[in-house]
Every structure is written in C-alpha cells, then in structure tokens.
Amino acid sequence: MQIEALKAELKDIIVKELNLLDEQGNPLKPETIADDVPLFNDERGPNLDSVDALTLIPVIGDRYGVDIEDEEQGEKAFRNVAALAAFITENQSE
C-alpha cells in the first residue's frame, strides 16, 4: 500500500474507532489530522489519551498484522500518523 493511502486510512480508522468529534460536536473529518502533529496530549491534534491507545492497538494489529509489544514501542508508533504508517510499513507481516 502506498504510504499516503495508508496515512489516510489510518486517520479514518482513528476517527471512526474513537468516534472523534470536532469543537462543534460534529464527526471529525479525518483529513483535518495532520501527518506530523502528535496524536496524544497535544491540542493541535486529536489529543488522544491512553484509553484511546488501548482501543486502537488491537484494531491496528488485526488490520495490518503488526504487534505493539510494549509501552515504549507504542509511544514511538503512535507519535503521529506518519510515525504510525512507518511503523506498520516496517513491521507488517507479509
């Protein structure tokens, strides 16, 4: 899968799985998440928390065949959308 398509798909998964809303209470548009903005603890991005990570890890694992084995690996993988796409590309089982 092309990296740009993967990033777009990941944004869609994040928004749908977590039922993210914008400031007006409408469903967040996936394309509003920048590739390089932190996913966690940053108001510029979706501002996810640890519960969100626990929701996403099995979804990402099942969908792409990757395992996030510990907290350190998870922090690197979920740094931002670009990092998550790179992690999947590097670790995806064939």
N, C-alpha and C. Protein backbone atom coordinates (compact mmCIF):
# COMPACT_ATOMS: atom_id res chain seq x y z
N MET A 1 0.85 -1.19 0.00
CA MET A 1 0.00 0.00 0.00
C MET A 1 0.89 1.24 0.00
N GLN A 2 0.51 2.20 -0.79
CA GLN A 2 1.25 3.46 -0.85
C GLN A 2 1.14 4.18 0.50
N ILE A 3 2.22 4.81 0.92
CA ILE A 3 2.28 5.44 2.25
C ILE A 3 1.21 6.51 2.43
N GLU A 4 0.93 7.31 1.40
CA GLU A 4 -0.09 8.36 1.53
C GLU A 4 -1.47 7.74 1.72
N ALA A 5 -1.75 6.67 1.02
CA ALA A 5 -3.03 5.97 1.18
C ALA A 5 -3.13 5.36 2.57
N LEU A 6 -2.02 4.81 3.06
CA LEU A 6 -2.01 4.23 4.40
C LEU A 6 -2.28 5.30 5.45
N LYS A 7 -1.65 6.46 5.32
CA LYS A 7 -1.88 7.54 6.29
C LYS A 7 -3.35 7.98 6.27
N ALA A 8 -3.93 8.09 5.11
CA ALA A 8 -5.34 8.48 5.01
C ALA A 8 -6.23 7.43 5.66
N GLU A 9 -5.91 6.17 5.43
CA GLU A 9 -6.69 5.08 6.02
C GLU A 9 -6.56 5.08 7.55
N LEU A 10 -5.36 5.33 8.04
CA LEU A 10 -5.15 5.38 9.49
C LEU A 10 -5.94 6.51 10.13
N LYS A 11 -5.96 7.65 9.50
CA LYS A 11 -6.74 8.78 10.02
C LYS A 11 -8.22 8.41 10.10
N ASP A 12 -8.70 7.74 9.07
CA ASP A 12 -10.10 7.30 9.05
C ASP A 12 -10.37 6.31 10.19
N ILE A 13 -9.47 5.37 10.40
CA ILE A 13 -9.63 4.39 11.48
C ILE A 13 -9.64 5.10 12.83
N ILE A 14 -8.71 6.02 13.04
CA ILE A 14 -8.64 6.74 14.31
C ILE A 14 -9.95 7.47 14.60
N VAL A 15 -10.44 8.20 13.62
CA VAL A 15 -11.67 8.98 13.80
C VAL A 15 -12.87 8.06 14.05
N LYS A 16 -13.00 7.03 13.24
CA LYS A 16 -14.19 6.15 13.36
C LYS A 16 -14.16 5.29 14.61
N GLU A 17 -13.01 4.69 14.91
CA GLU A 17 -12.92 3.80 16.08
C GLU A 17 -13.12 4.56 17.39
N LEU A 18 -12.67 5.80 17.42
CA LEU A 18 -12.75 6.58 18.66
C LEU A 18 -13.92 7.56 18.67
N ASN A 19 -14.71 7.56 17.59
CA ASN A 19 -15.86 8.46 17.50
C ASN A 19 -15.48 9.90 17.83
N LEU A 20 -14.41 10.38 17.19
CA LEU A 20 -13.91 11.72 17.48
C LEU A 20 -14.83 12.79 16.91
N LEU A 21 -14.99 13.85 17.68
CA LEU A 21 -15.84 14.97 17.29
C LEU A 21 -15.01 16.25 17.23
N ASP A 22 -15.45 17.16 16.37
CA ASP A 22 -14.78 18.47 16.32
C ASP A 22 -15.33 19.36 17.43
N GLU A 23 -14.89 20.61 17.46
CA GLU A 23 -15.30 21.52 18.53
C GLU A 23 -16.80 21.82 18.54
N GLN A 24 -17.45 21.65 17.39
CA GLN A 24 -18.89 21.89 17.31
C GLN A 24 -19.70 20.62 17.60
N GLY A 25 -19.03 19.52 17.89
CA GLY A 25 -19.72 18.28 18.19
C GLY A 25 -20.06 17.45 16.97
N ASN A 26 -19.53 17.83 15.83
CA ASN A 26 -19.74 17.06 14.60
C ASN A 26 -18.61 16.04 14.45
N PRO A 27 -18.86 14.96 13.70
CA PRO A 27 -17.78 14.00 13.48
C PRO A 27 -16.55 14.69 12.89
N LEU A 28 -15.38 14.40 13.45
CA LEU A 28 -14.14 14.99 12.98
C LEU A 28 -13.83 14.46 11.58
N LYS A 29 -13.39 15.35 10.72
CA LYS A 29 -13.00 14.93 9.37
C LYS A 29 -11.58 14.39 9.44
N PRO A 30 -11.36 13.15 9.01
CA PRO A 30 -10.02 12.55 9.10
C PRO A 30 -8.93 13.40 8.47
N GLU A 31 -9.25 14.08 7.38
CA GLU A 31 -8.24 14.87 6.68
C GLU A 31 -7.78 16.09 7.48
N THR A 32 -8.46 16.41 8.58
CA THR A 32 -8.02 17.54 9.40
C THR A 32 -6.88 17.15 10.35
N ILE A 33 -6.58 15.86 10.44
CA ILE A 33 -5.46 15.41 11.28
C ILE A 33 -4.19 15.50 10.43
N ALA A 34 -3.26 16.33 10.85
CA ALA A 34 -2.00 16.48 10.12
C ALA A 34 -1.12 15.26 10.35
N ASP A 35 -0.35 14.89 9.35
CA ASP A 35 0.51 13.71 9.43
C ASP A 35 1.55 13.80 10.54
N ASP A 36 2.04 15.00 10.82
CA ASP A 36 3.17 15.16 11.73
C ASP A 36 2.82 15.78 13.08
N VAL A 37 1.55 15.96 13.36
CA VAL A 37 1.13 16.54 14.64
C VAL A 37 0.95 15.39 15.64
N PRO A 38 1.44 15.56 16.87
CA PRO A 38 1.29 14.50 17.87
C PRO A 38 -0.17 14.08 18.04
N LEU A 39 -0.37 12.76 18.16
CA LEU A 39 -1.72 12.24 18.36
C LEU A 39 -2.17 12.37 19.81
N PHE A 40 -1.20 12.38 20.74
CA PHE A 40 -1.51 12.39 22.16
C PHE A 40 -1.08 13.69 22.83
N ASN A 41 -1.91 14.12 23.77
CA ASN A 41 -1.56 15.24 24.65
C ASN A 41 -1.08 16.48 23.91
N ASP A 42 -1.75 16.80 22.85
CA ASP A 42 -1.41 18.00 22.08
C ASP A 42 -2.70 18.53 21.46
N GLU A 43 -3.04 19.75 21.80
CA GLU A 43 -4.29 20.36 21.33
C GLU A 43 -4.34 20.57 19.82
N ARG A 44 -3.18 20.54 19.15
CA ARG A 44 -3.17 20.72 17.69
C ARG A 44 -3.67 19.49 16.96
N GLY A 45 -3.65 18.35 17.63
CA GLY A 45 -4.09 17.09 17.02
C GLY A 45 -5.36 16.60 17.68
N PRO A 46 -5.65 15.31 17.53
CA PRO A 46 -6.87 14.76 18.12
C PRO A 46 -6.81 14.63 19.63
N ASN A 47 -5.62 14.87 20.23
CA ASN A 47 -5.47 14.90 21.69
C ASN A 47 -5.95 13.60 22.34
N LEU A 48 -5.43 12.49 21.87
CA LEU A 48 -5.81 11.18 22.37
C LEU A 48 -5.23 10.93 23.75
N ASP A 49 -5.76 9.91 24.44
CA ASP A 49 -5.22 9.53 25.74
C ASP A 49 -4.93 8.02 25.76
N SER A 50 -4.50 7.51 26.90
CA SER A 50 -4.09 6.11 26.98
C SER A 50 -5.24 5.14 26.71
N VAL A 51 -6.45 5.49 27.07
CA VAL A 51 -7.59 4.63 26.78
C VAL A 51 -7.80 4.53 25.26
N ASP A 52 -7.60 5.65 24.57
CA ASP A 52 -7.70 5.63 23.11
C ASP A 52 -6.65 4.70 22.52
N ALA A 53 -5.44 4.73 23.06
CA ALA A 53 -4.38 3.85 22.57
C ALA A 53 -4.78 2.39 22.76
N LEU A 54 -5.34 2.08 23.93
CA LEU A 54 -5.76 0.69 24.19
C LEU A 54 -6.87 0.25 23.25
N THR A 55 -7.66 1.18 22.78
CA THR A 55 -8.70 0.88 21.80
C THR A 55 -8.08 0.64 20.42
N LEU A 56 -7.11 1.47 20.06
CA LEU A 56 -6.53 1.40 18.71
C LEU A 56 -5.55 0.25 18.50
N ILE A 57 -4.80 -0.13 19.53
CA ILE A 57 -3.75 -1.14 19.37
C ILE A 57 -4.29 -2.44 18.77
N PRO A 58 -5.36 -3.02 19.30
CA PRO A 58 -5.85 -4.27 18.67
C PRO A 58 -6.43 -4.06 17.27
N VAL A 59 -7.03 -2.92 17.03
CA VAL A 59 -7.59 -2.63 15.70
C VAL A 59 -6.47 -2.55 14.67
N ILE A 60 -5.43 -1.81 15.00
CA ILE A 60 -4.27 -1.69 14.10
C ILE A 60 -3.60 -3.05 13.93
N GLY A 61 -3.45 -3.77 15.02
CA GLY A 61 -2.84 -5.09 14.96
C GLY A 61 -3.59 -6.06 14.07
N ASP A 62 -4.90 -6.11 14.23
CA ASP A 62 -5.73 -7.01 13.42
C ASP A 62 -5.73 -6.60 11.95
N ARG A 63 -5.84 -5.32 11.73
CA ARG A 63 -5.96 -4.83 10.36
C ARG A 63 -4.66 -4.95 9.55
N TYR A 64 -3.54 -4.70 10.21
CA TYR A 64 -2.27 -4.64 9.48
C TYR A 64 -1.27 -5.73 9.85
N GLY A 65 -1.64 -6.60 10.79
CA GLY A 65 -0.76 -7.70 11.16
C GLY A 65 0.51 -7.25 11.86
N VAL A 66 0.40 -6.23 12.69
CA VAL A 66 1.56 -5.75 13.45
C VAL A 66 1.25 -5.85 14.95
N ASP A 67 2.28 -6.09 15.72
CA ASP A 67 2.14 -6.15 17.17
C ASP A 67 2.90 -5.00 17.80
N ILE A 68 2.24 -4.30 18.69
CA ILE A 68 2.90 -3.28 19.50
C ILE A 68 3.12 -3.96 20.84
N GLU A 69 4.38 -4.27 21.12
CA GLU A 69 4.71 -5.19 22.20
C GLU A 69 4.89 -4.54 23.57
N ASP A 70 5.18 -3.26 23.62
CA ASP A 70 5.36 -2.62 24.92
C ASP A 70 5.06 -1.13 24.81
N GLU A 71 5.10 -0.48 25.96
CA GLU A 71 4.75 0.95 26.01
C GLU A 71 5.71 1.80 25.19
N GLU A 72 7.00 1.48 25.26
CA GLU A 72 8.00 2.26 24.51
C GLU A 72 7.74 2.17 23.01
N GLN A 73 7.47 0.96 22.54
CA GLN A 73 7.18 0.78 21.12
C GLN A 73 5.88 1.51 20.74
N GLY A 74 4.90 1.46 21.62
CA GLY A 74 3.64 2.15 21.38
C GLY A 74 3.80 3.65 21.31
N GLU A 75 4.63 4.20 22.19
CA GLU A 75 4.86 5.65 22.17
C GLU A 75 5.51 6.09 20.86
N LYS A 76 6.45 5.30 20.36
CA LYS A 76 7.08 5.62 19.08
C LYS A 76 6.09 5.48 17.93
N ALA A 77 5.36 4.37 17.92
CA ALA A 77 4.44 4.10 16.81
C ALA A 77 3.31 5.13 16.75
N PHE A 78 2.79 5.52 17.89
CA PHE A 78 1.65 6.42 17.93
C PHE A 78 2.04 7.88 18.11
N ARG A 79 3.31 8.22 17.84
CA ARG A 79 3.76 9.61 17.98
C ARG A 79 2.91 10.53 17.09
N ASN A 80 2.70 10.11 15.85
CA ASN A 80 1.85 10.86 14.92
C ASN A 80 1.45 9.89 13.80
N VAL A 81 0.64 10.34 12.89
CA VAL A 81 0.16 9.47 11.81
C VAL A 81 1.30 8.99 10.93
N ALA A 82 2.24 9.87 10.64
CA ALA A 82 3.38 9.48 9.80
C ALA A 82 4.20 8.38 10.48
N ALA A 83 4.42 8.51 11.78
CA ALA A 83 5.18 7.50 12.53
C ALA A 83 4.42 6.17 12.57
N LEU A 84 3.11 6.23 12.71
CA LEU A 84 2.31 5.01 12.73
C LEU A 84 2.36 4.30 11.37
N ALA A 85 2.26 5.07 10.31
CA ALA A 85 2.36 4.48 8.97
C ALA A 85 3.72 3.85 8.74
N ALA A 86 4.78 4.53 9.19
CA ALA A 86 6.14 3.98 9.05
C ALA A 86 6.28 2.71 9.87
N PHE A 87 5.75 2.70 11.08
CA PHE A 87 5.81 1.51 11.94
C PHE A 87 5.13 0.33 11.26
N ILE A 88 3.95 0.56 10.72
CA ILE A 88 3.21 -0.51 10.05
C ILE A 88 3.99 -1.02 8.84
N THR A 89 4.50 -0.11 8.04
CA THR A 89 5.25 -0.49 6.84
C THR A 89 6.47 -1.33 7.20
N GLU A 90 7.17 -0.94 8.25
CA GLU A 90 8.39 -1.63 8.67
C GLU A 90 8.13 -2.98 9.33
N ASN A 91 6.98 -3.13 9.99
CA ASN A 91 6.72 -4.31 10.81
C ASN A 91 5.62 -5.22 10.30
N GLN A 92 5.01 -4.87 9.21
CA GLN A 92 3.88 -5.63 8.69
C GLN A 92 4.33 -7.01 8.24
N SER A 93 3.57 -8.02 8.67
CA SER A 93 3.87 -9.37 8.21
C SER A 93 3.29 -9.56 6.82
N GLU A 94 3.98 -10.27 6.02
CA GLU A 94 3.56 -10.46 4.62
C GLU A 94 2.41 -11.43 4.53
